[in-house]
């Protein structure tokens, strides 16, 4: 703290020098020692400040200096915390997904991607697991969770993606090296992080979900350990004694007794990494254990990080800023604090943890792909801002369509047959049949497009904002809900993808909207404190 004219020890004003105003009265009349005047106070001259008023004046000055000094220290600490935060580009893909349309109250949802990296590029990370030969390799996104906060902030949905899921990864360009990674039609989900950084994982999620990602937050091994330590441990539960250890040296090493244990340090990391020992020994069990941990950590954070516990808040701030890497739009303490305030508005009982439903696609039970129907149902609910817990569901009024830029007869529409989704063979001549329906409704420039397509739900795409009204006009003419109209740079004009949900008939019937997440999503409510992991056979002690 900066020092002004106040003494460090007793906050006493400095002695004035001869010739300065008030020097005589202070030197002669303010002393109590053996100086001139023999300890007697001189009577104040007429017009001079009274002693009491002078004391008040110096007290006010002292208080002002203390306040200013504290503010200066707070500012320096604020800048110190800002300097702790690592930042990177939000999206490294070639295209973006537009934000959701605001609701009637002008509110929009908030989507944050949480990423857990398995990087071994620091001595601390390496000490927590892995071989020295892994130092220097790009990290893999072993934990991926999309946190969706509803537009009205009444509920939160969390969707995890098992790291072994095979999904398309878009073309990404590393912002630091300039190297471009080509698109992959199918690859392990955790590989996206190694293709330029967290911005490629964001781009991959946007391609998979068609949900705009506002921010990302990434933490590595040592960050997980530090965060658990800062809040005094996270309570987790197992139904039996568990030891994640195989005869050939695999497993996280987690060893816990039956019941609830507060894990921190390396033990917290072991819990999050355990695969052999939970449920069926696949990555799905590990994902479910991560959900239990996250729910418990949220409850702990809400208990610890309160204004009446400033020490805990300071420790958490120091630890979190050192542990996190975030996108550039989230790279200050102020913005992180604002984000945490948005999260805190959601009651714990309205947080719903889920896992993206998957199915095996080969003989290897660790190789998964998103389940066609259930995965689409879960993601469509998040995309539509519908709560996954089935509570407070209200019938939403259909959005008002924009006025088309052209009369219906001048709107060019390309129709693709995407009915071959969900494991079905494509319906023959389906694009041509829908073209005839459109032409009968006045869309004279509708044509069939032979480009291969596979679409579970009928969708109208448009490439730019000036064609949004035209795309909506097409949808309304066919009875397709406006929420199934979206922007996409994968098309050059208004394009209708006839999905597996419209294989026959001349009129589209919108499917009934789900009111809660499918059971295959392994739903875990945020306030479920009694959740315990099932231990895999052969991993008890």
Protein backbone atom coordinates (compact mmCIF):
# COMPACT_ATOMS: atom_id res chain seq x y z
CA UNK A 1 0.00 0.00 0.00
CA UNK A 2 1.29 3.45 -0.91
CA UNK A 3 2.29 5.75 1.97
CA UNK A 4 1.31 9.41 1.93
CA UNK A 5 1.95 11.91 4.75
CA UNK A 6 0.86 9.28 7.22
CA UNK A 7 3.48 7.48 9.31
CA UNK A 8 3.59 3.70 8.91
CA UNK A 9 3.44 2.93 12.61
CA UNK A 10 0.80 5.22 14.07
CA UNK A 11 -0.86 7.08 11.18
CA UNK A 12 0.52 10.38 12.60
CA UNK A 13 0.92 13.39 10.30
CA UNK A 14 4.51 14.25 9.45
CA UNK A 15 6.26 17.19 11.25
CA UNK A 16 6.06 20.42 9.38
CA UNK A 17 9.22 22.34 8.48
CA UNK A 18 9.91 25.91 9.47
CA UNK A 19 8.14 28.34 7.24
CA UNK A 20 5.24 26.01 6.52
CA UNK A 21 1.79 27.07 7.68
CA UNK A 22 1.10 25.81 11.19
CA UNK A 23 4.73 24.89 11.88
CA UNK A 24 4.98 27.06 14.99
CA UNK A 25 1.79 25.86 16.61
CA UNK A 26 2.69 22.24 16.00
CA UNK A 27 6.27 22.56 17.26
CA UNK A 28 5.53 24.60 20.31
CA UNK A 29 1.94 24.03 21.22
CA UNK A 30 1.52 20.42 20.30
CA UNK A 31 4.39 18.85 22.24
CA UNK A 32 4.15 17.16 25.59
CA UNK A 33 7.89 16.64 26.09
CA UNK A 34 10.61 18.98 27.40
CA UNK A 35 10.85 21.34 24.50
CA UNK A 36 10.25 25.02 24.63
CA UNK A 37 7.13 25.84 26.56
CA UNK A 38 7.83 23.35 29.35
CA UNK A 39 5.02 21.06 28.27
CA UNK A 40 2.40 23.81 28.50
CA UNK A 41 0.10 24.17 25.52
CA UNK A 42 -0.12 27.57 23.94
CA UNK A 43 -3.57 28.99 23.73
CA UNK A 44 -4.69 28.99 20.13
CA UNK A 45 -4.53 32.32 18.46
CA UNK A 46 -7.78 33.85 17.26
CA UNK A 47 -8.93 32.26 13.98
CA UNK A 48 -6.75 29.19 14.30
CA UNK A 49 -8.43 25.75 14.11
CA UNK A 50 -9.56 24.30 17.39
CA UNK A 51 -7.71 21.13 18.47
CA UNK A 52 -10.82 18.97 18.19
CA UNK A 53 -11.49 20.14 14.67
CA UNK A 54 -7.84 19.56 13.77
CA UNK A 55 -8.02 16.00 15.12
CA UNK A 56 -11.14 15.36 13.07
CA UNK A 57 -9.42 16.77 10.03
CA UNK A 58 -6.41 14.47 10.41
CA UNK A 59 -8.65 11.49 11.16
CA UNK A 60 -10.55 12.12 7.95
CA UNK A 61 -7.29 12.38 6.03
CA UNK A 62 -5.98 9.18 7.59
CA UNK A 63 -9.20 7.36 6.72
CA UNK A 64 -9.05 8.63 3.15
CA UNK A 65 -5.46 7.45 2.77
CA UNK A 66 -6.32 4.02 4.18
CA UNK A 67 -9.29 3.70 1.83
CA UNK A 68 -7.29 4.82 -1.17
CA UNK A 69 -4.42 2.54 -0.22
CA UNK A 70 -6.77 -0.42 0.14
CA UNK A 71 -8.39 0.36 -3.17
CA UNK A 72 -4.95 0.49 -4.75
CA UNK A 73 -4.04 -2.86 -3.27
CA UNK A 74 -7.36 -4.31 -4.43
CA UNK A 75 -6.70 -3.00 -7.93
CA UNK A 76 -3.23 -4.53 -7.96
CA UNK A 77 -4.64 -7.86 -6.76
CA UNK A 78 -7.34 -7.65 -9.43
CA UNK A 79 -4.67 -7.16 -12.07
CA UNK A 80 -2.66 -10.00 -10.53
CA UNK A 81 -5.64 -12.35 -10.89
CA UNK A 82 -6.25 -11.18 -14.46
CA UNK A 83 -2.63 -12.00 -15.28
CA UNK A 84 -3.16 -15.56 -14.00
CA UNK A 85 -5.80 -16.32 -16.63
CA UNK A 86 -4.73 -18.05 -19.84
CA UNK A 87 -6.73 -17.14 -22.94
CA UNK A 88 -7.23 -18.59 -26.42
CA UNK A 89 -9.46 -18.22 -29.49
CA UNK A 90 -13.10 -19.29 -29.10
CA UNK A 91 -13.73 -20.94 -32.46
CA UNK A 92 -11.15 -22.30 -34.89
CA UNK A 93 -13.63 -23.72 -37.41
CA UNK A 94 -14.54 -22.28 -40.79
CA UNK A 95 -18.18 -21.58 -39.90
CA UNK A 96 -20.21 -20.50 -36.93
CA UNK A 97 -23.71 -21.18 -35.62
CA UNK A 98 -25.83 -18.07 -34.99
CA UNK A 99 -26.98 -17.34 -31.46
CA UNK A 100 -30.47 -18.39 -30.43
CA UNK A 101 -33.24 -15.88 -31.13
CA UNK A 102 -34.13 -13.92 -27.95
CA UNK A 103 -37.41 -14.83 -26.27
CA UNK A 104 -40.31 -12.40 -25.83
CA UNK A 105 -38.52 -10.81 -22.85
CA UNK A 106 -35.34 -10.26 -24.87
CA UNK A 107 -33.44 -13.02 -23.02
CA UNK A 108 -31.10 -15.48 -24.70
CA UNK A 109 -29.66 -18.81 -23.48
CA UNK A 110 -26.03 -19.11 -22.39
CA UNK A 111 -23.88 -22.01 -23.60
CA UNK A 112 -20.46 -22.74 -22.07
CA UNK A 113 -18.26 -25.70 -23.04
CA UNK A 114 -16.26 -27.24 -20.19
CA UNK A 115 -13.11 -29.10 -21.30
CA UNK A 116 -10.81 -31.31 -19.27
CA UNK A 117 -7.38 -31.76 -20.87
CA UNK A 118 -5.07 -34.74 -20.30
CA UNK A 119 -1.99 -32.60 -21.03
CA UNK A 120 1.28 -33.72 -19.42
CA UNK A 121 3.19 -30.59 -20.38
CA UNK A 122 4.07 -29.46 -16.87
CA UNK A 123 6.03 -31.20 -14.13
CA UNK A 124 2.96 -31.07 -11.89
CA UNK A 125 0.74 -32.68 -14.53
CA UNK A 126 3.33 -35.34 -15.25
CA UNK A 127 3.61 -36.21 -11.56
CA UNK A 128 -0.12 -36.98 -11.57
CA UNK A 129 0.10 -39.64 -14.25
CA UNK A 130 1.47 -40.47 -17.67
CA UNK A 131 4.84 -41.24 -19.19
CA UNK A 132 7.64 -38.74 -19.84
CA UNK A 133 7.41 -39.50 -23.56
CA UNK A 134 4.02 -37.74 -23.52
CA UNK A 135 5.57 -34.40 -22.59
CA UNK A 136 5.19 -32.02 -25.51
CA UNK A 137 2.29 -33.78 -27.21
CA UNK A 138 -0.94 -31.88 -27.72
CA UNK A 139 -3.54 -32.53 -25.02
CA UNK A 140 -6.71 -34.53 -25.63
CA UNK A 141 -10.16 -33.40 -24.49
CA UNK A 142 -10.91 -36.29 -22.17
CA UNK A 143 -13.78 -34.41 -20.48
CA UNK A 144 -16.32 -32.45 -22.52
CA UNK A 145 -19.50 -30.99 -21.05
CA UNK A 146 -21.87 -28.47 -22.58
CA UNK A 147 -23.48 -26.28 -19.92
CA UNK A 148 -26.71 -24.70 -21.18
CA UNK A 149 -28.33 -22.02 -18.98
CA UNK A 150 -31.90 -21.30 -20.04
CA UNK A 151 -32.81 -17.87 -21.37
CA UNK A 152 -34.89 -17.10 -18.27
CA UNK A 153 -32.14 -18.54 -15.99
CA UNK A 154 -34.60 -20.90 -14.27
CA UNK A 155 -32.83 -24.13 -15.25
CA UNK A 156 -29.51 -25.54 -16.42
CA UNK A 157 -28.83 -28.53 -18.67
CA UNK A 158 -25.45 -30.26 -18.84
CA UNK A 159 -24.65 -32.68 -21.68
CA UNK A 160 -21.49 -34.81 -21.52
CA UNK A 161 -19.86 -36.40 -24.53
CA UNK A 162 -18.00 -39.67 -23.79
CA UNK A 163 -14.45 -39.28 -25.10
CA UNK A 164 -14.66 -42.54 -27.09
CA UNK A 165 -17.57 -41.30 -29.21
CA UNK A 166 -16.80 -41.14 -32.93
CA UNK A 167 -18.03 -37.87 -34.47
CA UNK A 168 -17.14 -35.58 -37.41
CA UNK A 169 -14.44 -32.98 -36.67
CA UNK A 170 -14.44 -29.86 -38.86
CA UNK A 171 -11.50 -28.17 -40.51
CA UNK A 172 -9.57 -26.15 -37.91
CA UNK A 173 -6.67 -23.70 -38.11
CA UNK A 174 -4.21 -23.33 -35.23
CA UNK A 175 -4.16 -19.60 -34.35
CA UNK A 176 -0.57 -19.77 -33.11
CA UNK A 177 1.20 -21.82 -35.80
CA UNK A 178 -1.17 -21.12 -38.69
CA UNK A 179 -1.31 -24.85 -39.45
CA UNK A 180 -4.65 -26.04 -40.88
CA UNK A 181 -6.03 -29.46 -39.96
CA UNK A 182 -8.35 -30.99 -42.59
CA UNK A 183 -11.87 -32.07 -41.67
CA UNK A 184 -12.38 -35.65 -40.46
CA UNK A 185 -15.59 -37.50 -41.31
CA UNK A 186 -15.34 -39.65 -38.17
CA UNK A 187 -12.83 -39.48 -35.33
CA UNK A 188 -12.55 -39.87 -31.56
CA UNK A 189 -14.23 -36.90 -29.90
CA UNK A 190 -11.22 -36.16 -27.66
CA UNK A 191 -8.92 -35.63 -30.68
CA UNK A 192 -10.44 -32.22 -31.47
CA UNK A 193 -8.34 -30.47 -28.79
CA UNK A 194 -5.10 -31.61 -30.44
CA UNK A 195 -6.11 -29.96 -33.72
CA UNK A 196 -5.30 -26.36 -32.85
CA UNK A 197 -6.60 -26.03 -29.30
CA UNK A 198 -9.89 -25.63 -27.42
CA UNK A 199 -11.36 -23.55 -30.26
CA UNK A 200 -11.41 -26.68 -32.42
CA UNK A 201 -13.34 -28.54 -29.69
CA UNK A 202 -15.84 -25.67 -29.70
CA UNK A 203 -16.15 -25.89 -33.50
CA UNK A 204 -16.67 -29.65 -33.22
CA UNK A 205 -19.48 -29.24 -30.70
CA UNK A 206 -21.18 -26.62 -32.85
CA UNK A 207 -21.06 -28.96 -35.83
CA UNK A 208 -22.40 -31.86 -33.75
CA UNK A 209 -25.19 -29.96 -31.98
CA UNK A 210 -25.96 -26.90 -34.13
CA UNK A 211 -25.87 -24.94 -30.85
CA UNK A 212 -23.94 -21.68 -30.62
CA UNK A 213 -21.17 -21.88 -27.98
CA UNK A 214 -20.67 -18.56 -26.16
CA UNK A 215 -17.59 -19.48 -24.11
CA UNK A 216 -15.24 -22.31 -23.17
CA UNK A 217 -13.41 -23.06 -19.92
CA UNK A 218 -10.58 -25.61 -19.86
CA UNK A 219 -8.67 -27.15 -16.96
CA UNK A 220 -5.84 -29.72 -16.87
CA UNK A 221 -4.93 -32.48 -14.38
CA UNK A 222 -3.20 -30.26 -11.85
CA UNK A 223 -5.99 -27.68 -12.05
CA UNK A 224 -8.55 -30.30 -11.02
CA UNK A 225 -6.43 -31.23 -8.01
CA UNK A 226 -5.91 -27.60 -6.97
CA UNK A 227 -9.62 -26.76 -7.22
CA UNK A 228 -10.60 -29.76 -5.09
CA UNK A 229 -8.04 -28.73 -2.46
CA UNK A 230 -9.24 -25.11 -2.44
CA UNK A 231 -12.79 -26.08 -1.46
CA UNK A 232 -11.71 -28.64 1.12
CA UNK A 233 -12.61 -31.73 -0.88
CA UNK A 234 -15.59 -32.97 -2.88
CA UNK A 235 -17.96 -35.64 -1.46
CA UNK A 236 -18.31 -38.75 -3.66
CA UNK A 237 -19.94 -42.11 -2.98
CA UNK A 238 -19.45 -45.75 -4.02
CA UNK A 239 -21.80 -48.66 -3.29
CA UNK A 240 -18.95 -51.06 -2.55
CA UNK A 241 -15.24 -50.80 -1.77
CA UNK A 242 -13.50 -49.94 -5.02
CA UNK A 243 -9.93 -50.25 -6.30
CA UNK A 244 -9.30 -49.21 -9.90
CA UNK A 245 -6.36 -51.47 -10.63
CA UNK A 246 -5.75 -54.32 -13.08
CA UNK A 247 -3.16 -57.07 -13.04
CA UNK A 248 -1.39 -55.52 -16.06
CA UNK A 249 -1.10 -52.06 -14.53
CA UNK A 250 -4.18 -50.30 -15.91
CA UNK A 251 -6.60 -48.25 -13.86
CA UNK A 252 -6.58 -44.88 -12.11
CA UNK A 253 -5.42 -46.29 -8.77
CA UNK A 254 -8.52 -44.99 -6.96
CA UNK A 255 -9.06 -46.92 -3.73
CA UNK A 256 -12.08 -46.00 -1.59
CA UNK A 257 -14.19 -47.62 1.08
CA UNK A 258 -17.91 -48.11 0.61
CA UNK A 259 -19.95 -44.97 1.29
CA UNK A 260 -19.10 -41.26 1.06
CA UNK A 261 -15.56 -39.87 1.01
CA UNK A 262 -14.38 -36.28 0.58
CA UNK A 263 -11.77 -36.57 -2.16
CA UNK A 264 -9.12 -33.96 -2.91
CA UNK A 265 -5.61 -33.82 -4.26
CA UNK A 266 -4.62 -36.75 -6.43
CA UNK A 267 -7.59 -38.76 -5.20
CA UNK A 268 -9.99 -36.25 -6.82
CA UNK A 269 -8.21 -36.68 -10.15
CA UNK A 270 -8.33 -40.48 -9.78
CA UNK A 271 -12.09 -40.31 -9.32
CA UNK A 272 -12.53 -38.29 -12.52
CA UNK A 273 -10.23 -40.61 -14.49
CA UNK A 274 -11.61 -43.94 -13.24
CA UNK A 275 -12.85 -46.21 -15.96
CA UNK A 276 -11.89 -49.68 -14.79
CA UNK A 277 -13.93 -50.09 -11.61
CA UNK A 278 -17.15 -48.17 -12.34
CA UNK A 279 -20.31 -49.72 -13.79
CA UNK A 280 -19.40 -51.68 -16.96
CA UNK A 281 -15.80 -50.50 -17.23
CA UNK A 282 -16.46 -48.26 -20.26
CA UNK A 283 -16.16 -44.53 -20.74
CA UNK A 284 -19.89 -44.18 -20.01
CA UNK A 285 -19.34 -45.15 -16.37
CA UNK A 286 -16.52 -42.63 -16.12
CA UNK A 287 -18.84 -39.92 -17.48
CA UNK A 288 -21.51 -40.74 -14.89
CA UNK A 289 -18.90 -40.50 -12.12
CA UNK A 290 -17.84 -37.10 -13.45
CA UNK A 291 -21.45 -35.92 -13.20
CA UNK A 292 -21.65 -36.95 -9.56
CA UNK A 293 -18.42 -35.10 -8.89
CA UNK A 294 -19.59 -31.96 -10.71
CA UNK A 295 -22.91 -31.88 -8.85
CA UNK A 296 -21.16 -32.25 -5.51
CA UNK A 297 -18.55 -29.61 -6.40
CA UNK A 298 -21.27 -27.12 -7.36
CA UNK A 299 -22.92 -27.62 -3.97
CA UNK A 300 -19.56 -27.20 -2.21
CA UNK A 301 -18.73 -24.03 -4.12
CA UNK A 302 -22.09 -22.49 -3.25
CA UNK A 303 -21.46 -23.22 0.40
CA UNK A 304 -17.84 -22.00 0.48
CA UNK A 305 -17.80 -18.98 -1.83
CA UNK A 306 -19.85 -16.56 0.23
CA UNK A 307 -19.22 -12.95 1.21
CA UNK A 308 -18.99 -13.91 4.88
CA UNK A 309 -16.04 -16.17 4.05
CA UNK A 310 -13.59 -13.79 2.31
CA UNK A 311 -10.58 -16.01 2.94
CA UNK A 312 -12.16 -18.93 1.10
CA UNK A 313 -13.21 -16.62 -1.73
CA UNK A 314 -9.66 -15.29 -2.08
CA UNK A 315 -8.19 -18.81 -2.14
CA UNK A 316 -10.75 -19.92 -4.71
CA UNK A 317 -10.07 -16.88 -6.88
CA UNK A 318 -6.31 -17.49 -6.81
CA UNK A 319 -6.67 -21.21 -7.54
CA UNK A 320 -9.34 -20.89 -10.23
CA UNK A 321 -7.53 -18.18 -12.21
CA UNK A 322 -4.34 -20.26 -12.27
CA UNK A 323 -6.19 -23.46 -13.20
CA UNK A 324 -8.38 -22.13 -16.03
CA UNK A 325 -7.85 -21.42 -19.68
CA UNK A 326 -10.76 -19.53 -21.23
CA UNK A 327 -11.76 -17.85 -24.47
CA UNK A 328 -10.80 -14.22 -25.03
CA UNK A 329 -14.33 -13.03 -24.33
CA UNK A 330 -14.15 -14.46 -20.81
CA UNK A 331 -10.59 -13.45 -19.97
CA UNK A 332 -11.01 -11.11 -17.00
CA UNK A 333 -12.05 -11.51 -13.37
CA UNK A 334 -15.03 -9.23 -14.00
CA UNK A 335 -16.32 -11.41 -16.82
CA UNK A 336 -15.74 -14.64 -14.90
CA UNK A 337 -17.56 -13.15 -11.92
CA UNK A 338 -20.48 -12.09 -14.13
CA UNK A 339 -20.66 -15.61 -15.57
CA UNK A 340 -20.68 -17.15 -12.09
CA UNK A 341 -23.55 -14.84 -11.14
CA UNK A 342 -25.54 -16.14 -14.12
CA UNK A 343 -24.86 -19.73 -13.00
CA UNK A 344 -25.85 -18.92 -9.41
CA UNK A 345 -29.28 -17.72 -10.50
CA UNK A 346 -30.22 -21.32 -11.31
CA UNK A 347 -31.49 -23.31 -8.28
CA UNK A 348 -29.48 -26.47 -7.61
CA UNK A 349 -32.58 -28.63 -7.96
CA UNK A 350 -33.06 -27.35 -11.53
CA UNK A 351 -29.62 -28.49 -12.73
CA UNK A 352 -29.87 -31.64 -14.87
CA UNK A 353 -26.75 -33.66 -15.76
CA UNK A 354 -26.99 -35.94 -18.81
CA UNK A 355 -24.79 -38.01 -21.11
CA UNK A 356 -25.30 -37.90 -24.87
CA UNK A 357 -26.99 -41.24 -25.75
CA UNK A 358 -24.69 -43.46 -27.81
CA UNK A 359 -24.66 -46.90 -29.43
CA UNK A 360 -21.82 -49.24 -30.40
CA UNK A 361 -20.88 -49.12 -34.04
CA UNK A 362 -18.35 -51.95 -34.17
CA UNK A 363 -17.28 -55.06 -32.29
CA UNK A 364 -15.20 -52.82 -30.04
CA UNK A 365 -17.58 -51.87 -27.20
CA UNK A 366 -15.48 -48.75 -26.55
CA UNK A 367 -16.25 -47.30 -30.00
CA UNK A 368 -19.51 -45.38 -29.90
CA UNK A 369 -21.59 -43.12 -32.13
CA UNK A 370 -24.48 -40.84 -31.11
CA UNK A 371 -27.78 -42.77 -30.91
CA UNK A 372 -29.82 -41.47 -33.88
CA UNK A 373 -33.14 -40.83 -32.13
CA UNK A 374 -32.31 -40.28 -28.47
CA UNK A 375 -29.26 -38.10 -29.12
CA UNK A 376 -31.28 -35.95 -31.52
CA UNK A 377 -34.10 -35.67 -28.95
CA UNK A 378 -31.71 -34.55 -26.20
CA UNK A 379 -29.86 -32.03 -28.36
CA UNK A 380 -33.06 -30.65 -29.88
CA UNK A 381 -34.40 -29.95 -26.37
CA UNK A 382 -31.23 -28.04 -25.49
CA UNK A 383 -31.35 -26.24 -28.83
CA UNK A 384 -35.00 -25.29 -28.23
CA UNK A 385 -34.21 -24.14 -24.66
CA UNK A 386 -36.56 -26.75 -23.17
CA UNK A 387 -35.77 -27.92 -19.59
CA UNK A 388 -34.53 -31.51 -19.41
CA UNK A 389 -36.13 -32.20 -16.02
CA UNK A 390 -39.71 -31.94 -17.33
CA UNK A 391 -40.57 -29.21 -14.83
CA UNK A 392 -42.12 -25.91 -15.75
CA UNK A 393 -42.65 -26.88 -19.38
CA UNK A 394 -44.94 -24.41 -21.07
CA UNK A 395 -46.25 -24.51 -24.59
CA UNK A 396 -44.26 -21.92 -26.47
CA UNK A 397 -45.95 -19.72 -29.04
CA UNK A 398 -44.61 -20.11 -32.56
CA UNK A 399 -42.22 -17.31 -33.47
CA UNK A 400 -43.44 -14.78 -35.95
CA UNK A 401 -41.90 -15.32 -39.37
CA UNK A 402 -39.97 -12.60 -41.13
CA UNK A 403 -41.41 -11.18 -44.33
CA UNK A 404 -39.88 -13.05 -47.30
CA UNK A 405 -37.56 -11.04 -49.51
CA UNK A 406 -39.26 -12.37 -52.67
CA UNK A 407 -42.82 -13.43 -53.53
CA UNK A 408 -43.25 -17.19 -53.18
CA UNK A 409 -43.09 -17.70 -56.95
CA UNK A 410 -39.62 -16.18 -57.13
CA UNK A 411 -38.06 -18.04 -54.17
CA UNK A 412 -35.56 -20.64 -55.39
CA UNK A 413 -35.75 -23.80 -53.26
CA UNK A 414 -33.53 -26.86 -53.54
CA UNK A 415 -35.04 -30.06 -52.07
CA UNK A 416 -32.83 -32.93 -50.89
CA UNK A 417 -33.93 -36.40 -49.89
CA UNK A 418 -32.57 -37.01 -46.38
CA UNK A 419 -35.01 -39.76 -45.41
CA UNK A 420 -32.25 -42.35 -45.21
CA UNK A 421 -31.47 -41.42 -41.58
CA UNK A 422 -32.14 -43.53 -38.46
CA UNK A 423 -30.90 -46.70 -40.19
CA UNK A 424 -33.63 -46.65 -42.87
CA UNK A 425 -33.27 -46.87 -46.62
CA UNK A 426 -34.08 -43.58 -48.36
CA UNK A 427 -37.69 -43.22 -49.57
CA UNK A 428 -37.60 -43.36 -53.37
CA UNK A 429 -38.20 -40.16 -55.33
CA UNK A 430 -39.01 -38.31 -52.12
CA UNK A 431 -37.32 -35.02 -53.11
CA UNK A 432 -39.29 -34.90 -56.37
CA UNK A 433 -42.58 -35.58 -54.55
CA UNK A 434 -41.98 -32.66 -52.15
CA UNK A 435 -40.97 -30.41 -55.06
CA UNK A 436 -44.42 -31.04 -56.55
CA UNK A 437 -46.02 -30.12 -53.21
CA UNK A 438 -44.09 -26.85 -53.13
CA UNK A 439 -44.91 -26.01 -56.74
CA UNK A 440 -48.56 -26.63 -55.95
CA UNK A 441 -48.26 -24.01 -53.19
CA UNK A 442 -46.82 -21.40 -55.55
CA UNK A 443 -43.07 -22.05 -55.25
CA UNK A 444 -42.51 -22.34 -58.99
CA UNK A 445 -38.70 -22.36 -58.68
CA UNK A 446 -38.54 -25.42 -56.41
CA UNK A 447 -36.20 -28.11 -57.81
CA UNK A 448 -34.91 -31.50 -56.69
CA UNK A 449 -31.24 -31.67 -55.65
CA UNK A 450 -29.48 -35.03 -55.89
CA UNK A 451 -26.82 -34.12 -53.28
CA UNK A 452 -26.66 -36.99 -50.74
CA UNK A 453 -28.25 -36.11 -47.39
CA UNK A 454 -29.22 -37.83 -44.17
CA UNK A 455 -31.47 -35.95 -41.77
CA UNK A 456 -33.49 -37.21 -38.81
CA UNK A 457 -35.73 -34.11 -38.69
CA UNK A 458 -36.95 -32.12 -41.67
CA UNK A 459 -35.03 -28.83 -41.78
CA UNK A 460 -34.90 -25.70 -43.94
CA UNK A 461 -31.42 -24.20 -44.34
CA UNK A 462 -30.35 -20.78 -45.63
CA UNK A 463 -26.79 -19.42 -46.10
CA UNK A 464 -27.19 -15.73 -45.23
CA UNK A 465 -29.44 -13.37 -43.29
CA UNK A 466 -31.04 -11.89 -46.42
CA UNK A 467 -32.58 -15.31 -47.22
CA UNK A 468 -33.95 -16.03 -43.73
CA UNK A 469 -37.43 -14.68 -44.60
CA UNK A 470 -37.54 -16.81 -47.76
CA UNK A 471 -36.57 -19.93 -45.80
CA UNK A 472 -39.25 -19.22 -43.21
CA UNK A 473 -41.86 -18.80 -45.97
CA UNK A 474 -41.00 -22.27 -47.28
CA UNK A 475 -41.28 -23.76 -43.80
CA UNK A 476 -44.64 -22.15 -43.07
CA UNK A 477 -46.08 -23.29 -46.39
CA UNK A 478 -45.26 -26.90 -45.48
CA UNK A 479 -46.11 -26.70 -41.75
CA UNK A 480 -42.50 -27.04 -40.63
CA UNK A 481 -41.93 -25.26 -37.26
CA UNK A 482 -39.72 -22.16 -37.50
CA UNK A 483 -37.28 -23.61 -34.96
CA UNK A 484 -36.39 -26.13 -37.70
CA UNK A 485 -35.19 -23.28 -39.92
CA UNK A 486 -31.55 -22.40 -39.45
CA UNK A 487 -28.58 -20.71 -41.01
CA UNK A 488 -25.87 -22.92 -42.55
CA UNK A 489 -22.85 -22.18 -44.71
CA UNK A 490 -23.08 -25.72 -46.09
CA UNK A 491 -25.72 -24.59 -48.61
CA UNK A 492 -25.68 -21.92 -51.34
CA UNK A 493 -29.39 -21.06 -51.26
CA UNK A 494 -32.65 -21.95 -49.50
CA UNK A 495 -32.50 -25.73 -49.11
CA UNK A 496 -35.13 -28.12 -47.75
CA UNK A 497 -33.76 -31.34 -46.22
CA UNK A 498 -36.65 -33.80 -46.16
CA UNK A 499 -35.94 -35.87 -43.07
CA UNK A 500 -36.72 -39.36 -41.84
CA UNK A 501 -39.72 -37.87 -40.01
CA UNK A 502 -41.47 -37.10 -43.36
CA UNK A 503 -41.10 -40.18 -45.54
CA UNK A 504 -44.62 -40.07 -47.00
CA UNK A 505 -47.52 -37.71 -47.54
CA UNK A 506 -47.97 -34.17 -48.81
CA UNK A 507 -48.19 -32.39 -45.47
CA UNK A 508 -45.55 -32.28 -42.78
CA UNK A 509 -46.67 -33.24 -39.28
CA UNK A 510 -44.36 -31.88 -36.62
CA UNK A 511 -43.47 -34.57 -34.09
CA UNK A 512 -44.71 -34.17 -30.52
CA UNK A 513 -42.20 -32.21 -28.48
CA UNK A 514 -40.50 -34.20 -25.70
CA UNK A 515 -41.04 -32.89 -22.18
CA UNK A 516 -37.95 -34.41 -20.57
CA UNK A 517 -34.61 -35.97 -21.46
CA UNK A 518 -34.65 -39.61 -22.68
CA UNK A 519 -33.85 -42.23 -20.04
CA UNK A 520 -30.84 -43.32 -22.08
CA UNK A 521 -29.21 -39.97 -21.22
CA UNK A 522 -28.50 -41.19 -17.64
CA UNK A 523 -30.20 -38.20 -16.04
CA UNK A 524 -28.82 -37.00 -12.69
CA UNK A 525 -30.55 -34.07 -10.90
CA UNK A 526 -28.25 -31.47 -9.36
CA UNK A 527 -29.73 -31.81 -5.88
CA UNK A 528 -29.46 -35.60 -5.69
CA UNK A 529 -27.04 -35.97 -2.79
CA UNK A 530 -27.55 -39.69 -2.31
CA UNK A 531 -26.14 -40.76 -5.69
CA UNK A 532 -23.54 -43.57 -5.48
CA UNK A 533 -21.46 -45.23 -8.18
CA UNK A 534 -21.97 -48.91 -8.88
CA UNK A 535 -18.64 -50.76 -8.67
CA UNK A 536 -17.60 -53.06 -11.52
CA UNK A 537 -17.33 -56.73 -10.71
CA UNK A 538 -13.75 -57.74 -9.93
CA UNK A 539 -12.70 -54.28 -8.71
CA UNK A 540 -13.72 -54.53 -5.06
CA UNK A 541 -11.45 -55.26 -2.11
